[in-house]
Protein backbone atom coordinates (compact mmCIF):
# COMPACT_ATOMS: atom_id res chain seq x y z
CA UNK A 1 0.00 0.00 0.00
CA UNK A 2 2.83 2.39 0.78
CA UNK A 3 1.78 5.96 0.06
CA UNK A 4 -1.83 5.11 -0.82
CA UNK A 5 -4.36 7.00 1.25
CA UNK A 6 -6.08 4.77 3.76
CA UNK A 7 -9.68 5.86 3.96
CA UNK A 8 -11.76 5.22 7.08
CA UNK A 9 -13.65 2.52 5.14
CA UNK A 10 -10.42 0.78 4.17
CA UNK A 11 -9.15 0.94 7.74
CA UNK A 12 -12.34 -0.76 8.94
CA UNK A 13 -11.88 -3.58 6.40
CA UNK A 14 -8.26 -4.05 7.44
CA UNK A 15 -9.19 -4.02 11.14
CA UNK A 16 -11.83 -6.70 10.50
CA UNK A 17 -9.20 -8.98 9.03
CA UNK A 18 -6.72 -8.36 11.83
CA UNK A 19 -9.51 -9.00 14.35
CA UNK A 20 -10.16 -12.37 12.69
CA UNK A 21 -6.46 -13.21 12.91
CA UNK A 22 -6.32 -12.25 16.59
CA UNK A 23 -8.18 -15.45 17.53
CA UNK A 24 -5.72 -18.31 18.26
CA UNK A 25 -8.21 -20.97 17.11
CA UNK A 26 -8.46 -19.31 13.69
CA UNK A 27 -4.69 -19.17 13.39
CA UNK A 28 -4.58 -22.84 14.33
CA UNK A 29 -7.08 -23.66 11.57
CA UNK A 30 -5.18 -21.58 9.01
CA UNK A 31 -1.94 -23.28 10.03
CA UNK A 32 -3.56 -26.70 9.57
CA UNK A 33 -4.63 -25.65 6.07
CA UNK A 34 -1.11 -24.55 5.21
CA UNK A 35 -0.34 -28.13 4.17
CA UNK A 36 -3.33 -28.25 1.81
CA UNK A 37 -7.04 -28.92 1.58
CA UNK A 38 -8.73 -30.63 4.53
CA UNK A 39 -12.21 -31.68 5.49
CA UNK A 40 -13.91 -30.11 8.49
CA UNK A 41 -13.54 -33.48 10.24
CA UNK A 42 -9.79 -33.47 9.59
CA UNK A 43 -9.56 -29.92 10.97
CA UNK A 44 -11.42 -30.98 14.12
CA UNK A 45 -9.02 -33.90 14.59
CA UNK A 46 -5.90 -31.87 13.84
CA UNK A 47 -6.75 -28.85 15.99
CA UNK A 48 -8.47 -30.63 18.87
CA UNK A 49 -11.27 -28.05 18.70
CA UNK A 50 -14.93 -29.11 18.76
CA UNK A 51 -16.94 -29.48 15.56
CA UNK A 52 -19.20 -26.50 16.32
CA UNK A 53 -16.21 -24.35 17.24
CA UNK A 54 -14.34 -25.21 14.03
CA UNK A 55 -17.45 -24.57 11.94
CA UNK A 56 -17.97 -21.17 13.58
CA UNK A 57 -14.38 -20.12 12.92
CA UNK A 58 -14.47 -21.44 9.36
CA UNK A 59 -17.53 -19.31 8.69
CA UNK A 60 -15.65 -16.18 9.82
CA UNK A 61 -12.55 -17.09 7.81
CA UNK A 62 -14.65 -17.81 4.73
CA UNK A 63 -16.65 -14.61 5.09
CA UNK A 64 -13.46 -12.56 5.12
CA UNK A 65 -11.98 -14.43 2.16
CA UNK A 66 -9.19 -16.28 3.97
CA UNK A 67 -10.49 -19.72 2.98
CA UNK A 68 -12.54 -21.34 0.23
CA UNK A 69 -14.98 -24.20 0.77
CA UNK A 70 -16.43 -26.87 -1.45
CA UNK A 71 -18.92 -29.59 -0.68
CA UNK A 72 -18.53 -33.10 -2.00
CA UNK A 73 -21.07 -35.62 -0.83
CA UNK A 74 -21.27 -35.47 2.95
CA UNK A 75 -17.97 -33.63 3.34
CA UNK A 76 -17.02 -29.97 3.25
CA UNK A 77 -13.46 -29.36 2.07
CA UNK A 78 -11.60 -26.21 3.06
CA UNK A 79 -8.53 -24.66 1.51
CA UNK A 80 -6.63 -21.41 1.81
CA UNK A 81 -7.84 -18.78 -0.64
CA UNK A 82 -4.45 -17.10 -0.57
CA UNK A 83 -1.27 -18.03 1.27
CA UNK A 84 -0.34 -14.35 1.69
CA UNK A 85 -1.78 -14.49 5.20
CA UNK A 86 1.36 -16.41 6.18
CA UNK A 87 3.53 -13.50 5.10
CA UNK A 88 1.90 -11.59 7.96
CA UNK A 89 2.53 -14.49 10.33
CA UNK A 90 6.15 -14.78 9.20
CA UNK A 91 6.70 -11.05 9.78
CA UNK A 92 5.25 -11.31 13.28
CA UNK A 93 7.24 -14.46 14.11
CA UNK A 94 10.45 -12.77 12.97
CA UNK A 95 9.62 -9.72 15.06
CA UNK A 96 8.93 -11.88 18.11
CA UNK A 97 12.24 -13.74 17.67
CA UNK A 98 14.07 -10.41 17.55
CA UNK A 99 12.31 -9.20 20.71
CA UNK A 100 13.03 -12.46 22.52
CA UNK A 101 16.72 -12.33 21.62
CA UNK A 102 16.88 -8.72 22.84
CA UNK A 103 15.19 -9.63 26.14
CA UNK A 104 17.53 -12.59 26.67
CA UNK A 105 20.51 -10.33 26.04
CA UNK A 106 19.17 -7.75 28.50
CA UNK A 107 18.55 -10.38 31.18
CA UNK A 108 22.04 -11.90 30.69
CA UNK A 109 23.66 -8.49 31.22
CA UNK A 110 21.59 -7.72 34.35
């Protein structure tokens, strides 16, 4: 985005997406989908979350465009719509590693 003007409407849309990503269960689901398409049942098994809980979070993630769904027979298959969400996660993980290293250094000196 860089120098593009961020309108109040755009800021609301961005905040909605960050709000969705602030829920650990949703990050857990997205991380499970990083390896590829999974059924809702597989997501329940992999995350340890309940069926209703997974379904609720999938609805939010789908509504905001993070995942795509398709139904085949009795199963609903979910996949990432765009893996760019992990660029955000990678940036945050890198930032956290830097902060942790700085804190360790500070504690070792003290």
